[in-house]
Amino acid sequence: MQNFDLAVCSLASGSRGNATYISDGNTAILIDAGLSGIELERRMISKGLSPENLNAIIVSHEHKDHIESAGILSRRYNLPIYTSSKTCKAIGTRLGKVFEYKSFECGAGFNINDLHIHPFSVSHDAHDTSGFTVCRNGSKFGIATDLGIVTAVVKEHLKGCQMLILEANHDVPMLMNGPYPWYLKQRVKGRTGHLSNEESGCLLKELAHEKLSHVILAHLSEKNNTPEKALSAVGMSMNGYKAQLLVARQDMPLDMVYIR
């Protein structure tokens, strides 16, 4: 008999592709599918996960690094794609023919079997970007990446999670002194861009509690951040709580994390 409510695996995170696997042992979903179909399948199999056992793909927004193989996987495994109506419109025909689209609206929860998913709005330069919480049997997981500012809505929805995936995209001095052109630096640090290490740390300082077991720092810039800088900056915000801090990788999946 399994001894967990939710299992979470960050399959990829960064500007070249994002995908997160979540399962309660019976139902399995992907939040985003931003790698090629072959690579996403390879990474799942490397962690003992079967693409054939997926039940759905949930898409946070229409940028390529979140949707690249969503259409391929939908067709190959007869998977519904859940996304907001505005995001679906923004995607247009880029995914080709899909098995089925199912629409949600930010602020209104929905169920996929025994998983309860609640999408919420985040500030990013896409049409209707969503963060998510996933709940099962009292356990709560939250993910918020691709956001330029932390709003009251974000804080409210991520309260009480036992596990979090939070964006820690850039170190501000590295960004400002780095190779990006000025307009791109302004985009990254703007209100619809990405969270810095320090901003992620400030958010975690408000969210940390004694039952928070794991925090995965995600969407790190390969040019404007390092895992060491992210861990150091965010780690100072833990207020003495003992949650394990991890860094999601672009080049390989992390080990599975369990919420019990």
Protein backbone atom coordinates (compact mmCIF):
# COMPACT_ATOMS: atom_id res chain seq x y z
CA MET A 1 0.00 0.00 0.00
CA GLN A 2 1.39 3.42 -0.95
CA ASN A 3 2.26 5.80 1.86
CA PHE A 4 1.88 9.11 0.03
CA ASP A 5 -0.90 11.42 -1.08
CA LEU A 6 0.98 13.16 -3.90
CA ALA A 7 4.16 12.40 -5.82
CA VAL A 8 5.84 15.24 -7.73
CA CYS A 9 8.71 15.15 -10.20
CA SER A 10 10.20 18.20 -11.90
CA LEU A 11 11.05 16.79 -15.33
CA ALA A 12 12.49 20.06 -16.69
CA SER A 13 12.57 23.71 -15.71
CA GLY A 14 13.99 26.72 -17.51
CA SER A 15 13.71 28.82 -20.63
CA ARG A 16 14.31 25.79 -22.90
CA GLY A 17 11.45 23.70 -21.54
CA ASN A 18 9.23 23.07 -18.52
CA ALA A 19 7.27 20.04 -17.33
CA THR A 20 6.12 18.80 -13.92
CA TYR A 21 4.65 15.35 -13.21
CA ILE A 22 2.11 14.93 -10.39
CA SER A 23 0.35 11.73 -9.31
CA ASP A 24 -1.63 10.32 -6.40
CA GLY A 25 -0.81 6.76 -7.47
CA ASN A 26 -3.99 6.40 -9.53
CA THR A 27 -4.21 9.64 -11.52
CA ALA A 28 -1.20 11.23 -13.21
CA ILE A 29 -0.97 14.65 -14.85
CA LEU A 30 1.60 16.91 -16.42
CA ILE A 31 1.67 20.61 -15.71
CA ASP A 32 3.13 21.93 -18.97
CA ALA A 33 4.90 19.92 -21.67
CA GLY A 34 7.64 22.19 -22.95
CA LEU A 35 10.16 19.61 -24.19
CA SER A 36 10.03 17.56 -27.37
CA GLY A 37 7.79 14.53 -27.14
CA ILE A 38 10.74 12.14 -27.40
CA GLU A 39 12.72 13.92 -24.68
CA LEU A 40 9.75 14.21 -22.32
CA GLU A 41 8.99 10.50 -22.72
CA ARG A 42 12.67 9.65 -22.18
CA ARG A 43 12.81 11.64 -18.95
CA MET A 44 9.62 10.08 -17.63
CA ILE A 45 10.85 6.57 -18.38
CA SER A 46 14.21 7.34 -16.73
CA LYS A 47 12.27 7.95 -13.50
CA GLY A 48 10.17 4.81 -13.84
CA LEU A 49 7.11 6.73 -15.07
CA SER A 50 4.91 5.54 -17.91
CA PRO A 51 3.59 8.11 -20.39
CA GLU A 52 0.74 5.67 -21.11
CA ASN A 53 -0.53 6.18 -17.56
CA LEU A 54 -1.00 9.94 -17.92
CA ASN A 55 -4.56 11.22 -17.59
CA ALA A 56 -4.21 14.85 -18.68
CA ILE A 57 -1.93 17.77 -19.52
CA ILE A 58 -2.52 21.14 -17.86
CA VAL A 59 -1.05 24.15 -19.66
CA SER A 60 -0.13 27.29 -17.73
CA HIS A 61 0.31 29.61 -20.73
CA GLU A 62 1.08 29.64 -24.42
CA HIS A 63 4.85 30.19 -24.52
CA LYS A 64 6.75 27.50 -26.43
CA ASP A 65 8.79 26.34 -23.44
CA HIS A 66 5.50 25.23 -21.83
CA ILE A 67 3.59 23.69 -24.77
CA GLU A 68 6.08 22.20 -27.26
CA SER A 69 4.94 18.56 -27.01
CA ALA A 70 1.44 19.05 -25.58
CA GLY A 71 -0.21 18.37 -28.94
CA ILE A 72 1.99 15.36 -29.71
CA LEU A 73 1.33 13.73 -26.33
CA SER A 74 -2.38 14.53 -26.53
CA ARG A 75 -2.66 12.73 -29.85
CA ARG A 76 -0.38 9.85 -28.94
CA TYR A 77 -2.01 8.99 -25.61
CA ASN A 78 -5.54 10.43 -26.05
CA LEU A 79 -4.96 13.04 -23.37
CA PRO A 80 -7.22 16.04 -22.76
CA ILE A 81 -5.43 19.38 -22.54
CA TYR A 82 -6.72 21.66 -19.80
CA THR A 83 -6.05 25.36 -20.24
CA SER A 84 -7.83 28.66 -19.89
CA SER A 85 -10.02 29.82 -22.74
CA LYS A 86 -7.76 32.84 -23.37
CA THR A 87 -4.65 30.65 -23.47
CA CYS A 88 -6.37 28.20 -25.82
CA LYS A 89 -7.16 31.07 -28.17
CA ALA A 90 -3.56 32.33 -27.95
CA ILE A 91 -2.21 28.87 -28.78
CA GLY A 92 -4.35 28.77 -31.90
CA THR A 93 -3.28 25.99 -34.25
CA ARG A 94 0.28 25.60 -32.96
CA LEU A 95 -0.41 22.24 -31.30
CA GLY A 96 -2.10 20.75 -34.33
CA LYS A 97 -5.08 18.48 -33.77
CA VAL A 98 -5.47 17.50 -30.11
CA PHE A 99 -7.50 14.73 -28.51
CA GLU A 100 -9.64 17.22 -26.53
CA TYR A 101 -9.47 20.71 -25.06
CA LYS A 102 -11.01 21.31 -21.66
CA SER A 103 -11.35 24.89 -20.51
CA PHE A 104 -10.86 26.32 -17.03
CA GLU A 105 -10.92 29.84 -15.68
CA CYS A 106 -8.49 31.17 -13.11
CA GLY A 107 -10.11 31.24 -9.70
CA ALA A 108 -12.38 28.25 -10.34
CA GLY A 109 -11.17 24.82 -9.25
CA PHE A 110 -11.81 21.56 -11.08
CA ASN A 111 -11.23 17.85 -10.55
CA ILE A 112 -9.36 15.22 -12.51
CA ASN A 113 -10.52 12.07 -10.76
CA ASP A 114 -9.41 12.49 -7.12
CA LEU A 115 -7.02 15.39 -7.82
CA HIS A 116 -8.43 18.85 -7.14
CA ILE A 117 -6.69 21.52 -9.23
CA HIS A 118 -7.14 25.21 -8.54
CA PRO A 119 -5.70 27.63 -11.12
CA PHE A 120 -4.92 31.21 -10.12
CA SER A 121 -3.74 34.24 -12.07
CA VAL A 122 -0.09 35.31 -12.10
CA SER A 123 1.53 38.35 -13.69
CA HIS A 124 3.43 37.38 -16.87
CA ASP A 125 3.63 38.60 -20.45
CA ALA A 126 1.24 36.01 -21.83
CA HIS A 127 -2.53 36.18 -22.31
CA ASP A 128 -3.71 34.45 -19.13
CA THR A 129 -0.86 32.80 -17.22
CA SER A 130 -1.84 30.45 -14.40
CA GLY A 131 -0.25 29.10 -11.27
CA PHE A 132 -1.78 26.01 -9.69
CA THR A 133 -2.42 24.20 -6.48
CA VAL A 134 -3.13 20.46 -6.49
CA CYS A 135 -4.84 18.90 -3.48
CA ARG A 136 -5.49 15.29 -2.52
CA ASN A 137 -6.63 13.89 0.81
CA GLY A 138 -5.62 17.03 2.71
CA SER A 139 -2.19 17.32 1.08
CA LYS A 140 -1.48 20.44 -0.96
CA PHE A 141 1.11 21.17 -3.64
CA GLY A 142 1.60 24.59 -5.23
CA ILE A 143 3.47 25.81 -8.30
CA ALA A 144 4.10 29.41 -9.37
CA THR A 145 6.65 30.11 -12.08
CA ASP A 146 6.74 32.73 -14.83
CA LEU A 147 5.56 35.69 -12.77
CA GLY A 148 6.97 39.18 -12.52
CA ILE A 149 5.44 40.22 -9.20
CA VAL A 150 3.98 38.48 -6.18
CA THR A 151 0.36 39.50 -5.73
CA ALA A 152 -2.02 38.94 -2.83
CA VAL A 153 -3.75 36.31 -4.99
CA VAL A 154 -0.51 34.34 -5.32
CA LYS A 155 0.16 34.46 -1.59
CA GLU A 156 -3.37 33.44 -0.69
CA HIS A 157 -3.45 30.40 -2.96
CA LEU A 158 -0.02 29.12 -1.95
CA LYS A 159 -0.69 29.26 1.79
CA GLY A 160 -0.58 25.94 3.60
CA CYS A 161 1.21 23.92 0.90
CA GLN A 162 3.33 20.97 2.00
CA MET A 163 5.42 21.36 -1.15
CA LEU A 164 6.12 24.32 -3.41
CA ILE A 165 7.73 24.94 -6.78
CA LEU A 166 8.66 28.63 -6.87
CA GLU A 167 10.41 30.67 -9.51
CA ALA A 168 13.88 31.98 -8.68
CA ASN A 169 14.85 33.16 -12.14
CA HIS A 170 17.70 35.58 -11.73
CA ASP A 171 20.29 37.21 -9.54
CA VAL A 172 19.79 40.94 -10.07
CA PRO A 173 23.50 41.93 -10.30
CA MET A 174 24.16 39.07 -12.74
CA LEU A 175 21.19 40.14 -14.85
CA MET A 176 22.11 43.82 -14.93
CA ASN A 177 25.80 43.16 -15.62
CA GLY A 178 25.18 40.26 -17.98
CA PRO A 179 24.95 39.84 -21.76
CA TYR A 180 21.23 40.48 -22.31
CA PRO A 181 20.30 43.62 -24.27
CA TRP A 182 18.71 46.37 -22.20
CA TYR A 183 15.16 45.75 -23.39
CA LEU A 184 15.39 42.09 -22.37
CA LYS A 185 16.82 42.98 -18.96
CA GLN A 186 13.85 45.29 -18.46
CA ARG A 187 11.43 42.57 -19.53
CA VAL A 188 12.92 39.99 -17.15
CA LYS A 189 12.86 42.29 -14.13
CA GLY A 190 9.55 43.94 -15.01
CA ARG A 191 6.09 43.33 -13.55
CA THR A 192 5.25 40.75 -16.21
CA GLY A 193 8.65 39.07 -16.31
CA HIS A 194 10.28 36.75 -13.80
CA LEU A 195 10.99 36.68 -10.07
CA SER A 196 14.51 37.30 -8.78
CA ASN A 197 16.11 35.17 -6.07
CA GLU A 198 15.38 37.85 -3.50
CA GLU A 199 11.74 38.19 -4.54
CA SER A 200 11.30 34.43 -4.36
CA GLY A 201 12.86 34.48 -0.90
CA CYS A 202 10.47 37.19 0.28
CA LEU A 203 7.54 35.10 -0.93
CA LEU A 204 8.83 31.99 0.80
CA LYS A 205 9.33 33.93 4.03
CA GLU A 206 5.56 34.50 4.11
CA LEU A 207 4.66 30.95 3.07
CA ALA A 208 7.02 28.86 5.20
CA HIS A 209 5.43 26.81 7.98
CA GLU A 210 6.27 23.72 10.00
CA LYS A 211 4.53 21.27 7.64
CA LEU A 212 6.24 22.58 4.50
CA SER A 213 8.59 19.72 3.61
CA HIS A 214 10.06 20.63 0.20
CA VAL A 215 10.66 23.77 -1.85
CA ILE A 216 11.93 23.44 -5.42
CA LEU A 217 13.41 26.57 -6.96
CA ALA A 218 12.52 26.69 -10.64
CA HIS A 219 13.05 28.45 -13.96
CA LEU A 220 16.61 29.52 -13.11
CA SER A 221 18.24 31.55 -15.87
CA GLU A 222 21.30 29.84 -17.32
CA LYS A 223 22.97 33.22 -17.95
CA ASN A 224 21.73 35.31 -15.01
CA ASN A 225 21.72 32.92 -12.04
CA THR A 226 23.44 29.95 -10.45
CA PRO A 227 21.99 27.23 -8.22
CA GLU A 228 24.34 28.34 -5.46
CA LYS A 229 23.14 31.96 -5.57
CA ALA A 230 19.48 30.90 -5.64
CA LEU A 231 19.86 28.49 -2.72
CA SER A 232 21.78 31.04 -0.67
CA ALA A 233 19.37 33.93 -1.26
CA VAL A 234 16.18 31.93 -0.76
CA GLY A 235 17.57 29.82 2.07
CA MET A 236 17.95 32.91 4.26
CA SER A 237 14.16 33.32 4.18
CA MET A 238 13.24 30.01 5.80
CA ASN A 239 12.71 31.49 9.28
CA GLY A 240 14.25 28.43 10.89
CA TYR A 241 11.87 25.97 9.22
CA LYS A 242 13.46 22.75 8.00
CA ALA A 243 11.95 22.32 4.53
CA GLN A 244 14.38 20.83 2.04
CA LEU A 245 15.46 23.29 -0.65
CA LEU A 246 16.12 21.87 -4.12
CA VAL A 247 16.88 23.40 -7.52
CA ALA A 248 15.05 22.17 -10.63
CA ARG A 249 17.26 21.39 -13.60
CA GLN A 250 16.94 22.23 -17.28
CA ASP A 251 19.07 19.31 -18.44
CA MET A 252 17.66 16.46 -16.33
CA PRO A 253 14.74 15.55 -14.05
CA LEU A 254 14.89 15.66 -10.29
CA ASP A 255 14.12 12.65 -8.13
CA MET A 256 10.51 12.14 -7.15
CA VAL A 257 9.34 14.03 -4.06
CA TYR A 258 6.48 12.64 -1.96
CA ILE A 259 3.89 14.47 0.12
CA ARG A 260 2.60 12.27 2.93
